[in-house]
């Protein structure tokens, strides 16, 4: 039986390698990946908004309020506990979104990329 907190942690841990690959590939263009709806429904902790969420990261932390979404909070926790995830989120800002069809979207925010390249040009 799952504890109330971090109920999606093991599920996101399973998807972590794929998500990290999507984050790396999103440097060129936005990425998406079809997740298995039945796995989320098996956890059975659906919120008012369903399983959908939008998680925006900045400097390795959420830059938007995800307090009401256990799905988003647990994803952030999995990424923060990954060396690669921490490194990627430290280098750029990301928009991570799960839609109603359980398609996971990863977008690397261009403003973070521009700021990073400007800083290296000034060096």
N, C-alpha and C. Protein backbone atom coordinates (compact mmCIF):
# COMPACT_ATOMS: atom_id res chain seq x y z
N UNK A 1 0.84 -1.19 0.00
CA UNK A 1 0.00 0.00 0.00
C UNK A 1 0.88 1.25 0.00
N UNK A 2 0.50 2.24 -0.79
CA UNK A 2 1.26 3.48 -0.90
C UNK A 2 0.97 4.41 0.27
N UNK A 3 2.01 5.16 0.65
CA UNK A 3 1.79 6.21 1.64
C UNK A 3 1.16 7.39 0.90
N UNK A 4 0.52 8.28 1.62
CA UNK A 4 -0.15 9.41 0.99
C UNK A 4 0.83 10.30 0.24
N UNK A 5 2.00 10.51 0.80
CA UNK A 5 2.97 11.36 0.12
C UNK A 5 3.82 10.52 -0.82
N UNK A 6 4.24 11.12 -1.91
CA UNK A 6 5.12 10.49 -2.89
C UNK A 6 4.53 9.23 -3.52
N UNK A 7 3.23 9.22 -3.76
CA UNK A 7 2.59 8.03 -4.32
C UNK A 7 3.02 7.77 -5.76
N UNK A 8 3.45 8.79 -6.48
CA UNK A 8 3.86 8.63 -7.87
C UNK A 8 5.37 8.49 -8.03
N UNK A 9 6.10 8.51 -6.93
CA UNK A 9 7.56 8.48 -6.98
C UNK A 9 8.09 7.25 -7.74
N UNK A 10 7.60 6.07 -7.40
CA UNK A 10 8.11 4.86 -8.06
C UNK A 10 7.72 4.83 -9.53
N UNK A 11 6.56 5.34 -9.86
CA UNK A 11 6.14 5.39 -11.25
C UNK A 11 7.04 6.33 -12.06
N UNK A 12 7.31 7.51 -11.52
CA UNK A 12 8.22 8.45 -12.21
C UNK A 12 9.64 7.90 -12.26
N UNK A 13 10.04 7.16 -11.24
CA UNK A 13 11.38 6.56 -11.24
C UNK A 13 11.53 5.59 -12.41
N UNK A 14 10.47 4.86 -12.70
CA UNK A 14 10.47 3.94 -13.84
C UNK A 14 10.68 4.70 -15.15
N UNK A 15 10.04 5.85 -15.28
CA UNK A 15 10.12 6.64 -16.51
C UNK A 15 11.34 7.59 -16.55
N UNK A 16 12.08 7.67 -15.47
CA UNK A 16 13.18 8.63 -15.37
C UNK A 16 14.17 8.57 -16.54
N UNK A 17 14.67 7.40 -16.94
CA UNK A 17 15.61 7.38 -18.07
C UNK A 17 15.03 8.00 -19.35
N UNK A 18 13.78 7.69 -19.64
CA UNK A 18 13.14 8.25 -20.84
C UNK A 18 12.96 9.76 -20.71
N UNK A 19 12.57 10.22 -19.52
CA UNK A 19 12.37 11.66 -19.31
C UNK A 19 13.69 12.41 -19.45
N UNK A 20 14.76 11.87 -18.92
CA UNK A 20 16.07 12.52 -19.05
C UNK A 20 16.49 12.60 -20.52
N UNK A 21 16.22 11.55 -21.28
CA UNK A 21 16.51 11.58 -22.72
C UNK A 21 15.69 12.66 -23.42
N UNK A 22 14.42 12.78 -23.04
CA UNK A 22 13.56 13.81 -23.62
C UNK A 22 14.08 15.21 -23.28
N UNK A 23 14.55 15.37 -22.05
CA UNK A 23 15.08 16.67 -21.64
C UNK A 23 16.33 17.02 -22.46
N UNK A 24 17.20 16.05 -22.67
CA UNK A 24 18.40 16.29 -23.48
C UNK A 24 18.02 16.62 -24.92
N UNK A 25 17.10 15.86 -25.49
CA UNK A 25 16.68 16.07 -26.88
C UNK A 25 15.91 17.37 -27.07
N UNK A 26 15.32 17.89 -26.02
CA UNK A 26 14.52 19.11 -26.13
C UNK A 26 15.37 20.35 -26.40
N UNK A 27 16.70 20.21 -26.35
CA UNK A 27 17.57 21.34 -26.71
C UNK A 27 17.36 21.72 -28.17
N UNK A 28 16.99 20.75 -29.00
CA UNK A 28 16.76 21.00 -30.43
C UNK A 28 15.32 21.34 -30.74
N UNK A 29 14.39 20.62 -30.13
CA UNK A 29 12.96 20.87 -30.34
C UNK A 29 12.17 20.22 -29.21
N UNK A 30 10.93 20.69 -29.03
CA UNK A 30 10.07 20.13 -27.99
C UNK A 30 9.87 18.64 -28.23
N UNK A 31 9.76 17.88 -27.14
CA UNK A 31 9.63 16.43 -27.21
C UNK A 31 8.32 15.99 -26.56
N UNK A 32 7.87 14.81 -26.95
CA UNK A 32 6.71 14.23 -26.29
C UNK A 32 6.84 12.72 -26.24
N UNK A 33 6.15 12.12 -25.27
CA UNK A 33 6.26 10.69 -25.02
C UNK A 33 4.93 10.20 -24.47
N UNK A 34 4.42 9.12 -25.03
CA UNK A 34 3.15 8.56 -24.57
C UNK A 34 3.37 7.71 -23.33
N UNK A 35 2.76 8.10 -22.22
CA UNK A 35 2.84 7.33 -20.99
C UNK A 35 1.64 6.38 -20.92
N UNK A 36 1.70 5.41 -20.04
CA UNK A 36 0.63 4.43 -19.89
C UNK A 36 -0.39 4.90 -18.87
N UNK A 37 -1.58 5.21 -19.36
CA UNK A 37 -2.64 5.72 -18.50
C UNK A 37 -2.97 4.75 -17.38
N UNK A 38 -2.97 3.45 -17.68
CA UNK A 38 -3.36 2.46 -16.66
C UNK A 38 -2.42 2.47 -15.47
N UNK A 39 -1.15 2.84 -15.67
CA UNK A 39 -0.21 2.88 -14.55
C UNK A 39 -0.56 4.01 -13.58
N UNK A 40 -0.95 5.14 -14.12
CA UNK A 40 -1.35 6.26 -13.26
C UNK A 40 -2.66 5.95 -12.56
N UNK A 41 -3.59 5.37 -13.29
CA UNK A 41 -4.89 5.04 -12.70
C UNK A 41 -4.76 3.96 -11.63
N UNK A 42 -3.77 3.09 -11.75
CA UNK A 42 -3.54 2.03 -10.75
C UNK A 42 -3.12 2.62 -9.41
N UNK A 43 -2.42 3.77 -9.47
CA UNK A 43 -2.04 4.45 -8.22
C UNK A 43 -3.31 4.96 -7.55
N UNK A 44 -4.27 5.42 -8.37
CA UNK A 44 -5.60 5.76 -7.86
C UNK A 44 -5.71 7.01 -7.04
N UNK A 45 -4.81 7.95 -7.21
CA UNK A 45 -4.85 9.17 -6.41
C UNK A 45 -5.11 10.38 -7.30
N UNK A 46 -6.14 10.28 -8.13
CA UNK A 46 -6.47 11.34 -9.08
C UNK A 46 -6.92 12.60 -8.33
N UNK A 47 -6.47 13.76 -8.84
CA UNK A 47 -6.86 15.04 -8.24
C UNK A 47 -8.06 15.60 -8.99
N UNK A 48 -8.54 16.77 -8.60
CA UNK A 48 -9.66 17.43 -9.27
C UNK A 48 -9.38 17.64 -10.75
N UNK A 49 -8.15 17.98 -11.07
CA UNK A 49 -7.79 18.24 -12.47
C UNK A 49 -7.36 16.96 -13.19
N UNK A 50 -7.62 15.82 -12.59
CA UNK A 50 -7.17 14.56 -13.18
C UNK A 50 -5.69 14.36 -12.89
N UNK A 51 -4.99 13.87 -13.86
CA UNK A 51 -3.56 13.64 -13.70
C UNK A 51 -2.74 14.71 -14.40
N UNK A 52 -3.40 15.60 -15.09
CA UNK A 52 -2.71 16.63 -15.87
C UNK A 52 -2.00 17.62 -14.95
N UNK A 53 -0.88 18.13 -15.46
CA UNK A 53 -0.15 19.15 -14.71
C UNK A 53 0.77 19.91 -15.65
N UNK A 54 1.24 21.04 -15.18
CA UNK A 54 2.28 21.82 -15.83
C UNK A 54 3.32 22.12 -14.76
N UNK A 55 4.54 21.67 -15.00
CA UNK A 55 5.65 21.92 -14.08
C UNK A 55 6.69 22.73 -14.83
N UNK A 56 6.98 23.92 -14.33
CA UNK A 56 8.03 24.75 -14.92
C UNK A 56 9.19 24.80 -13.94
N UNK A 57 10.39 24.55 -14.45
CA UNK A 57 11.56 24.54 -13.57
C UNK A 57 12.45 25.74 -13.83
N UNK A 58 13.12 26.16 -12.78
CA UNK A 58 14.10 27.25 -12.85
C UNK A 58 15.14 26.95 -11.77
N UNK A 59 16.38 26.83 -12.18
CA UNK A 59 17.48 26.53 -11.25
C UNK A 59 17.22 25.27 -10.42
N UNK A 60 16.62 24.26 -11.06
CA UNK A 60 16.41 22.98 -10.40
C UNK A 60 15.22 22.90 -9.47
N UNK A 61 14.40 23.94 -9.46
CA UNK A 61 13.22 23.96 -8.59
C UNK A 61 11.99 24.32 -9.43
N UNK A 62 10.82 24.09 -8.86
CA UNK A 62 9.59 24.49 -9.54
C UNK A 62 9.47 26.00 -9.51
N UNK A 63 9.19 26.61 -10.66
CA UNK A 63 9.01 28.06 -10.69
C UNK A 63 7.53 28.41 -10.69
N UNK A 64 6.66 27.41 -10.79
CA UNK A 64 5.22 27.63 -10.66
C UNK A 64 4.70 26.81 -9.48
N UNK A 65 3.49 27.07 -9.08
CA UNK A 65 2.93 26.39 -7.92
C UNK A 65 2.40 25.01 -8.30
N UNK A 66 3.05 23.97 -7.79
CA UNK A 66 2.61 22.59 -8.04
C UNK A 66 2.16 21.92 -6.74
N UNK A 67 1.89 22.73 -5.74
CA UNK A 67 1.52 22.19 -4.43
C UNK A 67 0.27 21.31 -4.50
N UNK A 68 -0.64 21.60 -5.42
CA UNK A 68 -1.88 20.83 -5.52
C UNK A 68 -1.77 19.59 -6.38
N UNK A 69 -0.60 19.31 -6.92
CA UNK A 69 -0.43 18.18 -7.82
C UNK A 69 0.64 17.22 -7.33
N UNK A 70 0.21 16.11 -6.74
CA UNK A 70 1.16 15.09 -6.28
C UNK A 70 1.93 14.52 -7.46
N UNK A 71 1.30 14.44 -8.63
CA UNK A 71 1.95 13.90 -9.82
C UNK A 71 3.16 14.77 -10.18
N UNK A 72 2.97 16.09 -10.21
CA UNK A 72 4.06 17.02 -10.56
C UNK A 72 5.12 17.06 -9.46
N UNK A 73 4.70 17.10 -8.21
CA UNK A 73 5.67 17.15 -7.10
C UNK A 73 6.58 15.94 -7.10
N UNK A 74 6.01 14.77 -7.32
CA UNK A 74 6.82 13.55 -7.31
C UNK A 74 7.77 13.50 -8.51
N UNK A 75 7.32 14.00 -9.66
CA UNK A 75 8.22 14.07 -10.82
C UNK A 75 9.41 14.97 -10.49
N UNK A 76 9.15 16.13 -9.91
CA UNK A 76 10.23 17.05 -9.55
C UNK A 76 11.19 16.38 -8.57
N UNK A 77 10.67 15.67 -7.60
CA UNK A 77 11.50 14.99 -6.62
C UNK A 77 12.40 13.94 -7.29
N UNK A 78 11.85 13.17 -8.21
CA UNK A 78 12.63 12.16 -8.93
C UNK A 78 13.75 12.84 -9.71
N UNK A 79 13.46 13.94 -10.39
CA UNK A 79 14.48 14.65 -11.17
C UNK A 79 15.54 15.28 -10.27
N UNK A 80 15.12 15.80 -9.12
CA UNK A 80 16.08 16.42 -8.19
C UNK A 80 17.01 15.38 -7.56
N UNK A 81 16.57 14.13 -7.47
CA UNK A 81 17.40 13.08 -6.87
C UNK A 81 18.29 12.39 -7.91
N UNK A 82 18.19 12.83 -9.15
CA UNK A 82 19.00 12.29 -10.22
C UNK A 82 20.14 13.27 -10.53
N UNK A 83 21.37 12.77 -10.60
CA UNK A 83 22.50 13.65 -10.93
C UNK A 83 22.30 14.30 -12.28
N UNK A 84 21.88 13.52 -13.26
CA UNK A 84 21.65 14.06 -14.60
C UNK A 84 20.50 15.05 -14.60
N UNK A 85 19.43 14.73 -13.90
CA UNK A 85 18.29 15.64 -13.81
C UNK A 85 18.67 16.96 -13.17
N UNK A 86 19.43 16.90 -12.10
CA UNK A 86 19.89 18.11 -11.42
C UNK A 86 20.76 18.95 -12.35
N UNK A 87 21.66 18.29 -13.07
CA UNK A 87 22.54 18.99 -14.00
C UNK A 87 21.75 19.67 -15.11
N UNK A 88 20.84 18.93 -15.73
CA UNK A 88 20.02 19.49 -16.81
C UNK A 88 19.18 20.66 -16.34
N UNK A 89 18.54 20.52 -15.17
CA UNK A 89 17.69 21.60 -14.66
C UNK A 89 18.52 22.80 -14.20
N UNK A 90 19.79 22.58 -13.89
CA UNK A 90 20.67 23.68 -13.53
C UNK A 90 21.14 24.45 -14.75
N UNK A 91 21.21 23.77 -15.89
CA UNK A 91 21.68 24.40 -17.13
C UNK A 91 20.59 25.17 -17.86
N UNK A 92 19.34 24.74 -17.71
CA UNK A 92 18.24 25.35 -18.46
C UNK A 92 16.94 25.23 -17.68
N UNK A 93 15.97 26.01 -18.10
CA UNK A 93 14.62 25.91 -17.54
C UNK A 93 13.80 25.02 -18.46
N UNK A 94 12.90 24.26 -17.87
CA UNK A 94 12.07 23.33 -18.63
C UNK A 94 10.60 23.52 -18.30
N UNK A 95 9.78 23.18 -19.28
CA UNK A 95 8.34 23.10 -19.07
C UNK A 95 7.98 21.64 -19.28
N UNK A 96 7.49 20.99 -18.23
CA UNK A 96 7.12 19.58 -18.27
C UNK A 96 5.61 19.50 -18.06
N UNK A 97 4.93 18.84 -18.99
CA UNK A 97 3.46 18.84 -18.95
C UNK A 97 2.92 17.47 -19.28
N UNK A 98 1.90 17.07 -18.55
CA UNK A 98 1.17 15.83 -18.84
C UNK A 98 -0.24 16.23 -19.23
N UNK A 99 -0.67 15.81 -20.43
CA UNK A 99 -2.01 16.19 -20.89
C UNK A 99 -3.03 15.08 -20.58
N UNK A 100 -4.28 15.32 -20.95
CA UNK A 100 -5.37 14.39 -20.62
C UNK A 100 -5.25 13.04 -21.31
N UNK A 101 -4.49 12.98 -22.40
CA UNK A 101 -4.28 11.72 -23.12
C UNK A 101 -3.02 11.00 -22.63
N UNK A 102 -2.45 11.50 -21.53
CA UNK A 102 -1.23 10.94 -20.92
C UNK A 102 -0.01 11.05 -21.85
N UNK A 103 -0.01 12.11 -22.64
CA UNK A 103 1.17 12.44 -23.43
C UNK A 103 2.00 13.40 -22.58
N UNK A 104 3.26 13.04 -22.39
CA UNK A 104 4.18 13.84 -21.59
C UNK A 104 4.97 14.74 -22.53
N UNK A 105 4.92 16.04 -22.29
CA UNK A 105 5.57 17.03 -23.15
C UNK A 105 6.75 17.66 -22.40
N UNK A 106 7.87 17.79 -23.10
CA UNK A 106 9.07 18.42 -22.53
C UNK A 106 9.51 19.54 -23.47
N UNK A 107 9.58 20.75 -22.93
CA UNK A 107 10.04 21.89 -23.70
C UNK A 107 11.14 22.58 -22.92
N UNK A 108 12.27 22.76 -23.58
CA UNK A 108 13.36 23.52 -22.98
C UNK A 108 13.07 24.98 -23.30
N UNK A 109 13.03 25.81 -22.28
CA UNK A 109 12.67 27.21 -22.47
C UNK A 109 13.81 27.96 -23.16
N UNK A 110 13.52 28.62 -24.27
CA UNK A 110 14.56 29.27 -25.05
C UNK A 110 15.27 30.41 -24.32
N UNK A 111 14.57 31.13 -23.46
CA UNK A 111 15.22 32.26 -22.76
C UNK A 111 16.39 31.80 -21.91
N UNK A 112 16.30 30.59 -21.35
CA UNK A 112 17.40 30.06 -20.54
C UNK A 112 18.58 29.70 -21.44
N UNK A 113 18.31 29.19 -22.63
CA UNK A 113 19.36 28.82 -23.57
C UNK A 113 20.08 30.08 -24.06
N UNK A 114 19.30 31.13 -24.38
CA UNK A 114 19.88 32.38 -24.85
C UNK A 114 20.76 33.00 -23.78
N UNK A 115 20.29 33.01 -22.55
CA UNK A 115 21.07 33.60 -21.45
C UNK A 115 22.36 32.83 -21.27
N UNK A 116 22.31 31.52 -21.40
CA UNK A 116 23.48 30.68 -21.24
C UNK A 116 24.51 30.96 -22.34
N UNK A 117 24.05 31.09 -23.60
CA UNK A 117 24.98 31.33 -24.69
C UNK A 117 25.55 32.75 -24.63
N UNK A 118 24.76 33.71 -24.16
CA UNK A 118 25.26 35.07 -23.99
C UNK A 118 26.36 35.11 -22.94
N UNK A 119 26.18 34.36 -21.86
CA UNK A 119 27.17 34.33 -20.79
C UNK A 119 28.48 33.73 -21.29
N UNK A 120 28.41 32.68 -22.11
CA UNK A 120 29.64 32.07 -22.61
C UNK A 120 30.31 32.96 -23.66
N UNK A 121 29.53 33.77 -24.37
CA UNK A 121 30.10 34.69 -25.36
C UNK A 121 30.87 35.81 -24.66
N UNK A 122 30.38 36.22 -23.51
CA UNK A 122 31.03 37.29 -22.76
C UNK A 122 32.31 36.85 -22.08
N UNK A 123 32.48 35.56 -21.87
CA UNK A 123 33.65 35.04 -21.17
C UNK A 123 34.91 35.15 -21.99
